[in-house]
N, C-alpha and C. Protein backbone atom coordinates (compact mmCIF):
# COMPACT_ATOMS: atom_id res chain seq x y z
N UNK A 1 30.49 5.83 3.06
CA UNK A 1 31.53 5.43 3.56
C UNK A 1 32.67 6.14 4.51
N UNK A 2 31.96 7.61 4.06
CA UNK A 2 32.47 8.64 5.19
C UNK A 2 32.05 8.36 6.34
N UNK A 3 30.74 7.71 6.87
CA UNK A 3 30.37 7.08 8.21
C UNK A 3 31.16 5.89 8.38
N UNK A 4 31.11 4.88 7.39
CA UNK A 4 32.11 3.57 7.64
C UNK A 4 33.59 3.91 8.64
N UNK A 5 34.00 4.86 7.39
CA UNK A 5 35.06 5.29 8.27
C UNK A 5 35.63 5.93 9.97
N UNK A 6 34.18 6.53 9.93
CA UNK A 6 34.37 7.25 11.55
C UNK A 6 34.22 5.75 12.96
N UNK A 7 32.94 5.47 12.02
CA UNK A 7 33.07 4.26 12.95
C UNK A 7 33.81 3.30 12.75
N UNK A 8 35.29 2.65 12.30
CA UNK A 8 36.30 2.63 12.38
C UNK A 8 37.17 2.66 13.62
N UNK A 9 37.48 4.53 13.51
CA UNK A 9 38.01 5.38 14.31
C UNK A 9 37.38 5.09 16.10
N UNK A 10 35.92 4.46 15.87
CA UNK A 10 36.14 4.60 16.95
C UNK A 10 35.65 5.85 17.94
N UNK A 11 35.64 5.96 19.03
CA UNK A 11 35.44 7.07 19.93
C UNK A 11 36.25 8.39 20.35
N UNK A 12 37.11 7.41 21.05
CA UNK A 12 38.24 8.56 20.41
C UNK A 12 39.19 9.36 18.92
N UNK A 13 38.69 8.17 18.17
CA UNK A 13 39.01 8.65 16.99
C UNK A 13 38.23 9.81 16.44
N UNK A 14 37.60 9.41 17.05
CA UNK A 14 35.86 10.67 15.95
C UNK A 14 36.18 11.83 16.77
N UNK A 15 36.53 12.25 18.33
CA UNK A 15 36.63 12.59 19.39
C UNK A 15 37.91 14.08 18.43
N UNK A 16 39.73 12.95 18.08
CA UNK A 16 39.95 13.77 17.78
C UNK A 16 40.38 14.50 16.45
N UNK A 17 39.35 13.83 15.23
CA UNK A 17 38.79 13.95 14.21
C UNK A 17 38.04 15.26 14.41
N UNK A 18 37.33 15.73 15.20
CA UNK A 18 36.33 16.45 15.03
C UNK A 18 37.06 17.39 16.00
N UNK A 19 38.03 17.87 16.99
CA UNK A 19 38.66 18.74 17.62
C UNK A 19 39.06 19.22 16.40
N UNK A 20 40.48 18.59 15.27
CA UNK A 20 41.07 18.96 14.65
C UNK A 20 40.24 20.05 13.66
N UNK A 21 39.17 19.43 13.02
CA UNK A 21 38.57 19.67 12.17
C UNK A 21 38.17 21.50 13.21
N UNK A 22 37.65 21.39 13.92
CA UNK A 22 37.66 22.82 15.17
C UNK A 22 38.14 23.57 14.61
N UNK A 23 39.24 22.83 15.23
CA UNK A 23 40.23 23.87 15.71
C UNK A 23 41.21 24.74 14.38
N UNK A 24 40.72 23.48 13.22
CA UNK A 24 41.41 24.36 12.21
C UNK A 24 40.32 25.66 11.30
N UNK A 25 39.33 25.28 11.64
CA UNK A 25 38.27 26.12 11.61
C UNK A 25 37.88 27.33 12.28
N UNK A 26 38.95 27.55 13.30
CA UNK A 26 38.33 28.27 14.20
C UNK A 26 39.58 28.68 13.50
N UNK A 27 40.92 28.63 13.79
CA UNK A 27 41.91 29.43 13.18
C UNK A 27 42.35 30.45 11.52
N UNK A 28 41.10 29.17 10.66
CA UNK A 28 41.31 29.99 9.63
C UNK A 28 40.03 31.25 9.17
N UNK A 29 39.22 31.32 10.39
CA UNK A 29 38.83 32.57 10.47
C UNK A 29 39.32 33.44 11.10
N UNK A 30 39.94 33.30 12.44
CA UNK A 30 41.64 34.43 12.72
C UNK A 30 41.53 35.45 12.40
N UNK A 31 41.91 35.26 11.13
CA UNK A 31 42.89 35.74 10.59
C UNK A 31 42.84 36.87 10.01
N UNK A 32 40.88 36.61 8.60
CA UNK A 32 40.22 37.45 8.38
C UNK A 32 39.89 38.53 9.15
N UNK A 33 39.35 37.98 10.18
CA UNK A 33 38.15 39.39 11.28
C UNK A 33 39.68 39.82 12.20
N UNK A 34 40.91 39.59 11.77
CA UNK A 34 41.95 40.12 12.68
C UNK A 34 41.61 41.70 12.77
N UNK A 35 41.42 42.61 14.25
CA UNK A 35 41.67 44.04 14.53
C UNK A 35 43.14 44.22 14.29
N UNK A 36 44.13 44.06 13.96
CA UNK A 36 45.56 44.28 14.25
C UNK A 36 45.71 44.85 13.30
N UNK A 37 45.01 44.41 12.10
CA UNK A 37 45.00 45.18 11.32
C UNK A 37 46.17 44.97 10.23
N UNK A 38 47.10 45.56 9.68
CA UNK A 38 48.71 45.50 8.93
C UNK A 38 49.59 45.69 10.24
N UNK A 39 50.66 45.33 10.87
CA UNK A 39 51.53 45.37 11.64
C UNK A 39 52.85 45.35 11.67
N UNK A 40 53.06 46.83 11.83
CA UNK A 40 54.61 47.01 11.15
C UNK A 40 55.16 46.17 12.46
N UNK A 41 56.68 45.15 11.53
CA UNK A 41 57.52 44.07 12.24
C UNK A 41 58.62 44.78 12.41
N UNK A 42 59.20 45.94 11.27
CA UNK A 42 60.58 46.58 11.59
C UNK A 42 60.64 48.45 10.47
N UNK A 43 62.10 48.74 10.95
CA UNK A 43 61.84 49.61 9.91
C UNK A 43 63.07 50.03 10.09
N UNK A 44 63.88 49.83 9.32
CA UNK A 44 65.03 50.80 8.66
C UNK A 44 65.29 51.74 7.52
N UNK A 45 66.28 52.57 8.71
CA UNK A 45 66.12 54.25 7.12
C UNK A 45 67.94 54.01 6.27
N UNK A 46 67.57 54.44 5.78
CA UNK A 46 69.25 54.80 4.29
C UNK A 46 68.77 56.43 4.05
N UNK A 47 70.60 56.80 3.91
CA UNK A 47 70.24 57.79 3.09
C UNK A 47 70.61 59.22 3.71
N UNK A 48 70.18 60.18 3.69
CA UNK A 48 70.57 61.86 4.02
C UNK A 48 69.52 62.64 4.18
N UNK A 49 70.55 63.55 5.69
CA UNK A 49 68.90 64.38 5.77
C UNK A 49 68.73 64.97 5.03
N UNK A 50 66.81 65.23 5.08
CA UNK A 50 65.63 65.60 4.09
C UNK A 50 65.33 64.44 3.37
N UNK A 51 66.48 63.53 3.15
CA UNK A 51 65.73 62.73 1.72
C UNK A 51 66.33 61.30 2.39
N UNK A 52 65.75 60.21 3.11
CA UNK A 52 65.96 59.11 3.92
C UNK A 52 65.18 57.79 3.28
N UNK A 53 65.53 56.92 3.21
CA UNK A 53 64.88 55.71 1.94
C UNK A 53 64.33 55.03 3.55
N UNK A 54 63.22 54.61 3.99
CA UNK A 54 62.82 54.17 4.08
C UNK A 54 62.16 51.96 4.21
N UNK A 55 62.50 51.64 4.78
CA UNK A 55 62.88 50.20 4.53
C UNK A 55 61.32 49.94 5.79
N UNK A 56 60.57 49.24 5.29
CA UNK A 56 59.22 48.96 6.34
C UNK A 56 59.08 47.48 6.49
N UNK A 57 58.69 46.71 7.31
CA UNK A 57 58.40 45.39 7.53
C UNK A 57 57.16 45.55 7.76
N UNK A 58 56.68 44.48 7.19
CA UNK A 58 54.88 44.38 7.58
C UNK A 58 54.42 42.74 7.44
N UNK A 59 53.53 42.60 8.92
CA UNK A 59 52.85 40.76 8.80
C UNK A 59 50.99 41.77 8.20
N UNK A 60 50.27 41.19 7.44
CA UNK A 60 48.88 41.54 7.52
C UNK A 60 48.44 40.17 7.25
N UNK A 61 47.00 40.13 7.16
CA UNK A 61 46.12 39.22 7.39
C UNK A 61 45.26 39.07 5.86
N UNK A 62 46.51 39.79 4.39
CA UNK A 62 46.18 39.64 3.35
C UNK A 62 44.68 38.44 3.06
N UNK A 63 44.02 38.29 2.18
CA UNK A 63 43.08 37.48 1.69
C UNK A 63 43.40 37.49 0.08
N UNK A 64 43.79 39.04 -0.93
CA UNK A 64 43.95 39.11 -1.69
C UNK A 64 43.41 40.27 -1.81
N UNK A 65 43.29 41.34 -2.87
CA UNK A 65 42.28 42.21 -3.37
C UNK A 65 41.10 42.21 -2.22
N UNK A 66 40.16 41.57 -2.01
CA UNK A 66 39.34 42.03 -0.99
C UNK A 66 39.69 42.16 0.38
N UNK A 67 40.91 41.83 0.66
CA UNK A 67 41.73 42.05 2.00
C UNK A 67 42.88 41.98 1.78
N UNK A 68 44.16 43.06 1.68
CA UNK A 68 45.14 43.80 1.44
C UNK A 68 45.84 44.78 2.26
N UNK A 69 46.72 45.15 2.73
CA UNK A 69 47.32 46.03 2.76
C UNK A 69 47.63 46.55 1.92
N UNK A 70 47.09 48.10 1.88
CA UNK A 70 47.04 49.31 0.65
C UNK A 70 48.66 49.61 0.97
N UNK A 71 49.05 49.87 2.08
CA UNK A 71 50.15 51.32 2.22
C UNK A 71 50.43 50.46 3.44
N UNK A 72 51.47 51.77 3.55
CA UNK A 72 52.47 52.49 5.18
C UNK A 72 52.87 53.48 4.70
N UNK A 73 52.75 54.19 5.85
CA UNK A 73 53.46 55.97 5.67
C UNK A 73 54.10 56.15 6.24
N UNK A 74 54.71 56.75 6.98
CA UNK A 74 54.90 58.07 8.13
C UNK A 74 54.42 59.43 8.78
N UNK A 75 54.84 58.85 9.45
CA UNK A 75 53.86 60.34 9.94
C UNK A 75 54.91 61.55 10.86
N UNK A 76 54.34 62.83 11.40
CA UNK A 76 55.14 63.47 11.56
C UNK A 76 54.35 63.52 13.40
N UNK A 77 55.65 63.06 14.19
CA UNK A 77 54.78 63.64 16.04
C UNK A 77 53.39 63.80 16.09
N UNK A 78 53.33 65.18 15.31
CA UNK A 78 51.69 65.63 15.29
C UNK A 78 50.59 65.17 14.40
N UNK A 79 50.96 63.91 13.70
CA UNK A 79 50.33 63.13 12.42
C UNK A 79 49.97 64.06 11.06
N UNK A 80 51.36 65.04 10.58
CA UNK A 80 50.96 65.21 9.42
C UNK A 80 51.50 63.60 8.98
N UNK A 81 51.26 63.97 7.73
CA UNK A 81 51.50 63.17 6.84
C UNK A 81 52.45 63.52 5.85
N UNK A 82 53.85 62.49 6.05
CA UNK A 82 55.44 63.01 4.89
C UNK A 82 55.35 62.26 4.13
N UNK A 83 54.83 61.20 4.33
CA UNK A 83 54.96 59.46 2.66
C UNK A 83 54.98 58.82 3.45
N UNK A 84 54.15 58.71 1.83
CA UNK A 84 52.88 57.47 2.28
C UNK A 84 53.59 55.82 0.65
N UNK A 85 53.93 55.21 1.21
CA UNK A 85 53.70 53.73 0.17
C UNK A 85 52.74 53.09 -0.10
N UNK A 86 52.73 53.54 -1.28
CA UNK A 86 51.87 52.18 -1.76
C UNK A 86 52.00 51.24 -2.22
N UNK A 87 50.78 50.57 -1.62
CA UNK A 87 51.17 48.99 -1.83
C UNK A 87 50.02 48.37 -3.38
N UNK A 88 50.58 48.00 -4.41
CA UNK A 88 50.26 47.83 -5.31
C UNK A 88 48.71 46.08 -5.61
N UNK A 89 49.41 45.87 -4.64
CA UNK A 89 48.81 44.29 -4.77
C UNK A 89 48.67 44.02 -3.47
N UNK A 90 48.40 42.74 -3.06
CA UNK A 90 48.11 42.10 -1.39
C UNK A 90 49.22 40.87 -1.81
N UNK A 91 49.33 40.43 -0.23
CA UNK A 91 50.95 39.54 -0.47
C UNK A 91 50.22 38.50 0.57
N UNK A 92 49.31 37.79 -0.03
CA UNK A 92 48.70 36.29 0.29
C UNK A 92 50.02 35.54 1.12
N UNK A 93 50.34 34.96 -0.09
CA UNK A 93 52.08 33.94 0.31
C UNK A 93 53.21 34.64 0.27
N UNK A 94 53.51 35.88 0.86
CA UNK A 94 54.81 37.04 1.00
C UNK A 94 54.29 37.08 2.16
N UNK A 95 54.80 37.06 3.92
CA UNK A 95 54.30 36.82 4.83
C UNK A 95 55.60 36.62 6.09
N UNK A 96 55.70 37.43 6.58
CA UNK A 96 55.66 39.36 6.67
C UNK A 96 56.85 39.54 5.06
N UNK A 97 56.64 41.05 4.79
CA UNK A 97 56.88 41.50 3.51
C UNK A 97 57.23 42.70 4.00
N UNK A 98 57.87 43.23 3.22
CA UNK A 98 59.48 44.85 3.41
C UNK A 98 59.50 45.47 1.88
N UNK A 99 58.73 46.74 1.94
CA UNK A 99 58.59 47.32 0.95
C UNK A 99 59.11 48.88 1.54
N UNK A 100 60.08 48.68 0.08
CA UNK A 100 60.87 50.65 0.55
C UNK A 100 60.40 51.33 -0.13
N UNK A 101 60.62 52.83 0.32
CA UNK A 101 60.36 54.21 -0.29
C UNK A 101 60.83 55.23 0.25
N UNK A 102 60.49 56.40 -0.39
CA UNK A 102 61.00 57.73 -0.08
C UNK A 102 61.33 58.46 -1.07
N UNK A 103 61.20 59.76 -1.58
CA UNK A 103 62.44 60.47 0.20
C UNK A 103 61.72 61.13 1.26
N UNK A 104 61.87 60.52 1.95
CA UNK A 104 61.11 61.10 3.19
C UNK A 104 61.92 63.00 4.12
N UNK A 105 61.55 63.58 4.45
CA UNK A 105 61.82 64.76 4.16
C UNK A 105 61.96 65.07 5.56
N UNK A 106 63.09 64.25 6.69
CA UNK A 106 63.26 64.50 7.55
C UNK A 106 64.56 64.71 7.92
N UNK A 107 64.98 65.12 9.42
CA UNK A 107 66.33 65.24 10.15
C UNK A 107 67.21 64.74 11.14
N UNK A 108 67.63 64.08 10.54
CA UNK A 108 67.75 62.63 11.64
C UNK A 108 67.47 63.02 13.08
N UNK A 109 67.35 64.15 13.69
CA UNK A 109 66.51 63.76 15.40
C UNK A 109 65.30 64.02 15.39
N UNK A 110 64.51 64.08 14.10
CA UNK A 110 62.78 64.39 13.81
C UNK A 110 62.40 62.84 14.59
N UNK A 111 61.86 63.10 15.06
CA UNK A 111 60.78 61.45 15.08
C UNK A 111 59.22 61.39 14.51
N UNK A 112 59.44 60.12 14.67
CA UNK A 112 57.95 60.12 13.82
C UNK A 112 57.18 58.46 13.66
N UNK A 113 56.30 58.34 13.18
CA UNK A 113 55.27 57.29 13.62
C UNK A 113 55.21 56.67 11.79
N UNK A 114 56.18 55.54 12.30
CA UNK A 114 55.51 54.13 11.06
C UNK A 114 54.14 53.01 11.30
N UNK A 115 52.84 53.68 10.54
CA UNK A 115 51.59 52.56 10.44
C UNK A 115 52.06 52.23 9.00
N UNK A 116 51.18 51.47 9.60
CA UNK A 116 50.65 50.09 7.47
C UNK A 116 48.94 50.27 8.08
N UNK A 117 48.85 49.97 6.88
CA UNK A 117 47.07 50.62 7.08
C UNK A 117 46.32 49.86 5.52
N UNK A 118 45.20 48.27 6.10
CA UNK A 118 44.64 47.46 5.25
C UNK A 118 43.18 48.04 4.83
N UNK A 119 43.14 47.39 3.71
CA UNK A 119 41.67 48.50 3.08
C UNK A 119 40.51 47.94 3.65
N UNK A 120 40.33 47.14 4.37
CA UNK A 120 39.25 47.41 4.83
C UNK A 120 38.57 47.84 6.39
N UNK A 121 39.87 47.75 6.85
CA UNK A 121 39.63 48.14 8.72
C UNK A 121 40.65 48.93 9.26
N UNK A 122 41.02 49.40 8.30
CA UNK A 122 41.93 51.21 8.16
C UNK A 122 43.65 51.18 8.24
N UNK A 123 44.35 51.74 9.89
CA UNK A 123 44.87 51.91 10.40
C UNK A 123 45.12 50.62 11.13
N UNK A 124 46.32 49.71 11.33
CA UNK A 124 47.05 49.14 12.61
C UNK A 124 47.56 49.94 13.22
N UNK A 125 47.29 49.24 15.20
CA UNK A 125 48.03 49.52 15.97
C UNK A 125 49.12 49.05 16.21
N UNK A 126 49.44 48.60 16.10
CA UNK A 126 51.41 48.09 16.01
C UNK A 126 52.31 48.54 15.26
N UNK A 127 52.49 49.57 15.50
CA UNK A 127 53.68 50.78 14.33
C UNK A 127 54.91 50.65 15.56
N UNK A 128 55.61 51.78 14.72
CA UNK A 128 57.07 52.15 15.17
C UNK A 128 57.15 53.75 15.28
N UNK A 129 57.68 53.66 16.40
CA UNK A 129 58.40 54.89 16.27
C UNK A 129 59.40 55.52 16.87
N UNK A 130 60.43 56.34 16.12
CA UNK A 130 61.38 56.96 16.59
C UNK A 130 62.08 57.93 15.83
N UNK A 131 63.24 57.94 15.78
CA UNK A 131 64.29 58.82 14.67
C UNK A 131 65.64 58.17 14.15
N UNK A 132 65.77 58.78 13.21
CA UNK A 132 67.21 58.28 12.28
C UNK A 132 68.62 58.03 13.73
N UNK A 133 68.15 59.37 14.52
CA UNK A 133 69.78 58.78 15.25
C UNK A 133 69.11 58.24 15.89
N UNK A 134 67.59 58.02 16.81
CA UNK A 134 67.05 56.79 17.91
C UNK A 134 67.64 55.64 17.77
N UNK A 135 66.80 55.82 16.39
CA UNK A 135 66.20 54.37 15.83
C UNK A 135 65.12 54.14 16.64
N UNK A 136 64.33 52.90 16.15
CA UNK A 136 62.90 52.86 15.78
C UNK A 136 62.28 51.83 16.81
N UNK A 137 61.80 51.86 17.06
CA UNK A 137 60.77 51.00 18.43
C UNK A 137 59.30 51.05 18.63
N UNK A 138 59.27 49.31 18.77
CA UNK A 138 57.58 49.67 18.29
C UNK A 138 56.57 49.85 19.63
N UNK A 139 55.67 50.41 19.05
CA UNK A 139 54.29 51.31 19.75
C UNK A 139 53.29 50.26 19.79
N UNK A 140 51.76 50.79 20.20
CA UNK A 140 50.61 51.16 20.05
C UNK A 140 50.05 52.80 20.00
N UNK A 141 49.58 52.40 18.59
CA UNK A 141 49.15 53.59 18.94
C UNK A 141 47.56 53.55 18.32
N UNK A 142 47.01 54.46 18.32
CA UNK A 142 45.60 54.85 18.32
C UNK A 142 45.45 54.03 17.03
N UNK A 143 43.82 53.92 16.42
CA UNK A 143 43.93 53.60 14.77
C UNK A 143 43.14 54.97 14.70
N UNK A 144 42.71 55.89 15.87
CA UNK A 144 42.27 57.55 15.76
C UNK A 144 42.71 58.26 15.50
N UNK A 145 44.39 57.97 15.55
CA UNK A 145 45.20 59.08 15.90
C UNK A 145 45.58 58.94 14.05
N UNK A 146 45.36 60.95 13.94
CA UNK A 146 45.31 61.41 12.72
C UNK A 146 45.19 60.38 11.19
N UNK A 147 43.54 60.41 12.77
CA UNK A 147 42.45 59.10 10.90
C UNK A 147 42.53 59.91 9.84
N UNK A 148 42.40 61.57 9.46
CA UNK A 148 42.58 62.22 8.13
C UNK A 148 43.32 62.45 7.85
N UNK A 149 44.83 61.56 7.63
CA UNK A 149 45.29 61.10 6.87
C UNK A 149 44.85 59.85 6.03
N UNK A 150 44.30 60.06 6.14
CA UNK A 150 43.76 58.10 5.14
C UNK A 150 43.48 58.82 3.67
N UNK A 151 42.77 60.59 3.92
CA UNK A 151 41.74 60.98 2.68
C UNK A 151 43.26 61.85 1.94
N UNK A 152 44.75 61.66 2.36
CA UNK A 152 45.30 62.01 1.51
C UNK A 152 45.57 61.51 0.40
N UNK A 153 46.72 62.37 -0.35
CA UNK A 153 47.71 61.74 -1.66
C UNK A 153 48.60 61.64 -1.30
N UNK A 154 48.96 59.69 -2.09
CA UNK A 154 48.48 59.26 -2.55
C UNK A 154 47.50 58.17 -2.27
N UNK A 155 46.80 57.16 -2.98
CA UNK A 155 45.82 56.33 -2.38
C UNK A 155 46.14 55.32 -4.21
N UNK A 156 45.99 54.10 -2.67
CA UNK A 156 45.74 53.36 -3.93
C UNK A 156 44.28 53.18 -5.09
N UNK A 157 44.45 52.78 -6.36
CA UNK A 157 43.36 53.43 -6.81
C UNK A 157 43.30 51.42 -8.10
N UNK A 158 43.73 50.91 -7.26
CA UNK A 158 42.67 49.30 -7.34
C UNK A 158 44.33 48.70 -6.63
N UNK A 159 43.93 47.19 -7.06
CA UNK A 159 44.56 45.64 -6.91
C UNK A 159 45.16 45.11 -7.74
N UNK A 160 46.08 44.54 -8.31
CA UNK A 160 46.64 43.58 -9.05
C UNK A 160 45.93 42.18 -9.06
N UNK A 161 45.93 41.57 -7.57
CA UNK A 161 46.11 40.43 -7.23
C UNK A 161 46.43 40.37 -5.88
């Protein structure tokens, strides 16, 4: 039956169908294999010195509990973990998504890094850097920067969905 439909489409129709199938297959496979990981898209901060609340927007190639952004964190300039917001579930149908957390104990002029983490690939390379006073800008950061922070609590203890 399918063969008859292909024959009715003619050669050009078959080529278009083949191209569409292959293109869909490639784009579906690119997302799970993304080396970019959890990408920080925006950072906003509210609160007072020594007790700021961060709202972080992330985009990540979530597939469910087998692959998802499991936290975002705030690091000092030298890589000390200042705060981590654990994410308790995947966000497959909610991309990009924003989650807030705090308090983050920094001063208004203190520069920090904000980055995301995937349970499968580790730290993303698209991060934000800045301070409350100067604002935050997108930067690229090696996933190896302060990689030991991945062992510090709090850590996820499972994935709900």
